[in-house]
Structure formats: C-alpha cells, structure tokens
C-alpha cells in the first residue's frame, strides 16, 4: 500500500498495489499495521457503512459534535465519486479550505479523513457504491452540517447544477460562516484516545 499526504497533511490517500492476471485481480483493501504506522497513531475502525447512490447525488457536508466525531476511510466499491474534505478546525492555517479527490473502483484509492473535518461526496458515474470505515459509532442527533454550495467554500462538485440531487436534510443545512465548529486546531484529535 502506498500512502500519500495531501496539501492538508492530515488527509491521506491510500493507494493499493493491484495484482492482475487472467483470472482477475487481488489487492490489500486495508492493512492496520502499515496504516497506523504511516498515520502516526492507532485508528480503531469499528464500523463500515455502505451507500448506493445514482449520478448527481451530493451527500454532505457533514461531521459530528466533538464527543461523537469520527475519522473516516472512504473507498468506492463500484463507480466513481468526487470525495471532499473541508478543514473545520478553528485556528488551523487551512481552516475552511477543501481538498477534493476522485475515487473509483478501478484504481481503488481510498481517502483518510481524520476527526475535525467536514466530509461529503458527489457521484460522477451512473451509480456508485461507497464504503466508509468509521472509528466511532453513529449517535442520533449529533450531526453537524454545512451547505454543499456555500460560496465561501467554492467547491466544484463536477456535477451540472440541474443534475444535483440532495436530501431534504442537506438542503436545509446552514452556511459555513453560520455554523460554530467544535474543533480546535490546538487540540490533539489524532491520538484517538481522548474520546474512546
């Protein structure tokens, strides 16, 4: 597995070595030992969530309140998405900045998004099946969200406006400037020990 830090260094792309022959292919989907070593702390994933979406769907931007914040490892089992992470850590030099990574079921790259970031994705293929590993169980009522089309964030979701499909909940989200982040850049959210 090849690991690469992005322009916001806490965000990491994981790229597997794919072994192909006349039967098909095989690759390591996740290897905790090498993953934790590169990230620099132990990540205890406890749940996998799978979503199926059609072209034009935008999910996000979401995170959770401080005590229920989740790190995520995003991969695509079928299709192609644009995966987006927004720095939501107050005081961070990249606060409000976004990173966009195309993930698909051909290259099988994954994106690691630690606690302290908003997350969302758009579906670029006819349909997509997305797998998200998380390190904290879902807690009802603890979600925080920001509008996908916030002008201050200026994210290009690579979908024509007329084709975008949103949930009612995502339509009703607030603007970035109107949402108070619970995350402080000076805190160490990456040890994973604080809230486990």
Protein backbone atom coordinates (compact mmCIF):
# COMPACT_ATOMS: atom_id res chain seq x y z
CA UNK A 1 0.00 0.00 0.00
CA UNK A 2 1.29 3.45 -0.92
CA UNK A 3 0.33 6.35 1.37
CA UNK A 4 0.45 10.00 0.32
CA UNK A 5 -0.24 13.10 2.41
CA UNK A 6 -2.19 15.81 0.59
CA UNK A 7 -1.91 19.61 0.72
CA UNK A 8 -3.65 19.44 4.10
CA UNK A 9 -1.26 16.84 5.53
CA UNK A 10 -3.74 15.17 7.88
CA UNK A 11 -5.62 13.98 4.77
CA UNK A 12 -4.07 10.82 3.32
CA UNK A 13 -4.61 8.95 0.06
CA UNK A 14 -4.10 5.18 0.31
CA UNK A 15 -3.25 3.51 -3.00
CA UNK A 16 -3.16 -0.28 -3.18
CA UNK A 17 -0.84 -2.39 -5.28
CA UNK A 18 -3.18 -4.30 -7.56
CA UNK A 19 -2.10 -7.76 -8.74
CA UNK A 20 -3.80 -8.74 -12.01
CA UNK A 21 -3.73 -11.84 -14.18
CA UNK A 22 -6.07 -13.77 -16.48
CA UNK A 23 -8.32 -14.65 -13.52
CA UNK A 24 -8.90 -11.05 -12.44
CA UNK A 25 -7.18 -9.13 -9.66
CA UNK A 26 -6.45 -9.07 -5.94
CA UNK A 27 -5.17 -6.35 -3.60
CA UNK A 28 -4.95 -5.48 0.07
CA UNK A 29 -8.01 -3.38 0.89
CA UNK A 30 -6.80 -2.36 4.34
CA UNK A 31 -3.82 -3.27 6.50
CA UNK A 32 -3.98 -1.83 10.01
CA UNK A 33 -0.28 -2.21 10.83
CA UNK A 34 1.05 -0.19 7.91
CA UNK A 35 -1.87 2.26 8.01
CA UNK A 36 -1.38 3.15 11.69
CA UNK A 37 2.38 3.43 11.20
CA UNK A 38 2.02 5.95 8.37
CA UNK A 39 -0.78 7.94 10.02
CA UNK A 40 1.24 8.12 13.23
CA UNK A 41 -1.40 6.91 15.67
CA UNK A 42 -3.71 3.96 16.15
CA UNK A 43 -7.06 4.19 14.37
CA UNK A 44 -9.62 1.75 15.71
CA UNK A 45 -12.22 1.42 12.98
CA UNK A 46 -15.38 -0.15 14.43
CA UNK A 47 -17.98 0.05 11.66
CA UNK A 48 -18.34 0.03 7.86
CA UNK A 49 -21.16 1.99 6.24
CA UNK A 50 -22.19 1.37 2.62
CA UNK A 51 -24.22 3.74 0.48
CA UNK A 52 -25.62 3.30 -3.02
CA UNK A 53 -26.28 6.50 -4.98
CA UNK A 54 -27.04 7.45 -8.56
CA UNK A 55 -25.37 10.08 -10.74
CA UNK A 56 -25.76 13.63 -9.47
CA UNK A 57 -26.25 12.77 -5.81
CA UNK A 58 -24.33 15.03 -3.44
CA UNK A 59 -24.06 13.88 0.17
CA UNK A 60 -22.70 16.42 2.61
CA UNK A 61 -21.09 18.32 4.03
CA UNK A 62 -21.22 16.50 7.39
CA UNK A 63 -19.38 15.90 10.64
CA UNK A 64 -20.45 15.21 14.23
CA UNK A 65 -20.26 17.05 17.52
CA UNK A 66 -16.96 16.87 19.38
CA UNK A 67 -17.68 13.85 21.58
CA UNK A 68 -19.03 11.85 18.64
CA UNK A 69 -16.58 12.95 15.94
CA UNK A 70 -15.46 10.24 13.52
CA UNK A 71 -12.41 9.56 11.44
CA UNK A 72 -13.30 8.10 8.05
CA UNK A 73 -11.63 5.93 5.45
CA UNK A 74 -13.56 6.33 2.20
CA UNK A 75 -13.43 3.90 -0.72
CA UNK A 76 -15.56 3.10 -3.77
CA UNK A 77 -16.71 -0.45 -4.39
CA UNK A 78 -18.43 0.41 -7.68
CA UNK A 79 -18.42 3.56 -9.80
CA UNK A 80 -16.74 6.92 -9.28
CA UNK A 81 -17.12 9.81 -6.84
CA UNK A 82 -15.56 13.14 -6.00
CA UNK A 83 -14.72 12.92 -2.31
CA UNK A 84 -14.42 16.21 -0.43
CA UNK A 85 -12.95 17.12 2.98
CA UNK A 86 -13.11 20.62 4.48
CA UNK A 87 -10.85 21.69 7.35
CA UNK A 88 -13.22 22.54 10.22
CA UNK A 89 -10.59 23.09 12.93
CA UNK A 90 -10.72 26.61 14.33
CA UNK A 91 -7.26 28.17 14.26
CA UNK A 92 -5.94 25.85 11.58
CA UNK A 93 -3.89 27.57 8.86
CA UNK A 94 -6.15 25.80 6.35
CA UNK A 95 -9.47 26.40 8.16
CA UNK A 96 -12.29 26.44 5.59
CA UNK A 97 -10.07 25.03 2.84
CA UNK A 98 -11.22 21.96 0.94
CA UNK A 99 -9.45 19.05 -0.69
CA UNK A 100 -11.16 17.08 -3.47
CA UNK A 101 -10.07 13.61 -4.56
CA UNK A 102 -11.61 11.40 -7.24
CA UNK A 103 -12.09 7.85 -6.03
CA UNK A 104 -13.23 4.95 -8.20
CA UNK A 105 -13.46 1.19 -8.37
CA UNK A 106 -10.69 0.94 -10.98
CA UNK A 107 -7.71 2.46 -9.14
CA UNK A 108 -9.29 1.62 -5.75
CA UNK A 109 -7.66 4.52 -3.95
CA UNK A 110 -9.01 5.47 -0.52
CA UNK A 111 -9.10 8.78 1.33
CA UNK A 112 -8.47 9.01 5.08
CA UNK A 113 -10.22 11.93 6.77
CA UNK A 114 -9.49 12.36 10.50
CA UNK A 115 -11.71 13.99 13.08
CA UNK A 116 -12.02 17.75 12.69
CA UNK A 117 -13.08 17.78 9.02
CA UNK A 118 -16.39 18.14 7.19
CA UNK A 119 -16.96 15.41 4.62
CA UNK A 120 -19.10 14.93 1.53
CA UNK A 121 -19.06 13.41 -1.92
CA UNK A 122 -20.72 13.69 -5.33
CA UNK A 123 -21.44 10.77 -7.65
CA UNK A 124 -19.76 11.15 -11.05
CA UNK A 125 -20.68 7.76 -12.55
CA UNK A 126 -24.11 6.34 -13.43
CA UNK A 127 -24.22 4.92 -9.93
CA UNK A 128 -21.74 4.39 -7.09
CA UNK A 129 -21.40 2.12 -4.09
CA UNK A 130 -19.31 3.81 -1.40
CA UNK A 131 -17.78 2.20 1.67
CA UNK A 132 -16.89 4.38 4.67
CA UNK A 133 -15.00 2.89 7.61
CA UNK A 134 -15.52 4.87 10.82
CA UNK A 135 -13.86 4.78 14.23
CA UNK A 136 -16.91 5.77 16.30
CA UNK A 137 -20.47 4.51 16.26
CA UNK A 138 -23.32 6.65 14.94
CA UNK A 139 -25.11 8.81 17.53
CA UNK A 140 -28.52 10.20 16.63
CA UNK A 141 -28.86 13.96 16.91
CA UNK A 142 -25.11 14.63 16.94
CA UNK A 143 -24.69 15.59 13.29
CA UNK A 144 -23.36 18.97 12.12
CA UNK A 145 -23.64 20.07 8.51
CA UNK A 146 -22.80 22.83 6.05
CA UNK A 147 -24.41 23.55 2.67
CA UNK A 148 -22.61 21.87 -0.22
CA UNK A 149 -22.86 25.02 -2.39
CA UNK A 150 -21.58 27.52 0.16
CA UNK A 151 -19.99 30.33 -1.87
CA UNK A 152 -17.24 30.85 0.70
CA UNK A 153 -16.13 27.23 0.27
CA UNK A 154 -16.49 27.39 -3.55
CA UNK A 155 -16.32 23.62 -4.07
CA UNK A 156 -16.61 22.36 -7.64
CA UNK A 157 -18.56 19.12 -7.28
CA UNK A 158 -18.12 18.37 -11.02
CA UNK A 159 -21.88 17.97 -11.45
CA UNK A 160 -24.13 20.25 -13.51
CA UNK A 161 -26.40 22.27 -11.21
CA UNK A 162 -29.54 20.90 -12.89
CA UNK A 163 -28.43 17.32 -12.20
CA UNK A 164 -27.67 17.68 -8.49
CA UNK A 165 -29.79 15.53 -6.17
CA UNK A 166 -29.92 16.38 -2.45
CA UNK A 167 -31.72 15.05 0.60
CA UNK A 168 -34.18 17.34 2.39
CA UNK A 169 -31.80 17.41 5.37
CA UNK A 170 -28.86 18.56 3.21
CA UNK A 171 -30.98 21.24 1.51
CA UNK A 172 -31.73 22.71 4.94
CA UNK A 173 -28.11 22.90 6.13
CA UNK A 174 -26.56 26.24 7.14
CA UNK A 175 -23.74 28.24 5.60
CA UNK A 176 -20.16 27.65 6.79
CA UNK A 177 -19.96 31.07 8.47
CA UNK A 178 -23.13 30.36 10.46
CA UNK A 179 -22.00 27.02 11.92
CA UNK A 180 -19.86 27.00 15.07
CA UNK A 181 -17.14 24.40 14.84
CA UNK A 182 -16.48 22.33 17.97
CA UNK A 183 -12.95 21.55 16.81
CA UNK A 184 -9.85 23.48 17.89
CA UNK A 185 -6.65 23.14 15.87
CA UNK A 186 -4.60 23.17 19.08
CA UNK A 187 -6.29 20.02 20.39
CA UNK A 188 -4.92 16.58 19.53
CA UNK A 189 -7.84 14.78 17.87
CA UNK A 190 -5.49 12.36 16.18
CA UNK A 191 -4.37 10.30 19.18
CA UNK A 192 -7.85 8.75 19.18
CA UNK A 193 -7.54 8.30 22.95
CA UNK A 194 -9.43 11.38 24.07
CA UNK A 195 -12.92 10.12 23.28
CA UNK A 196 -12.55 6.34 23.09
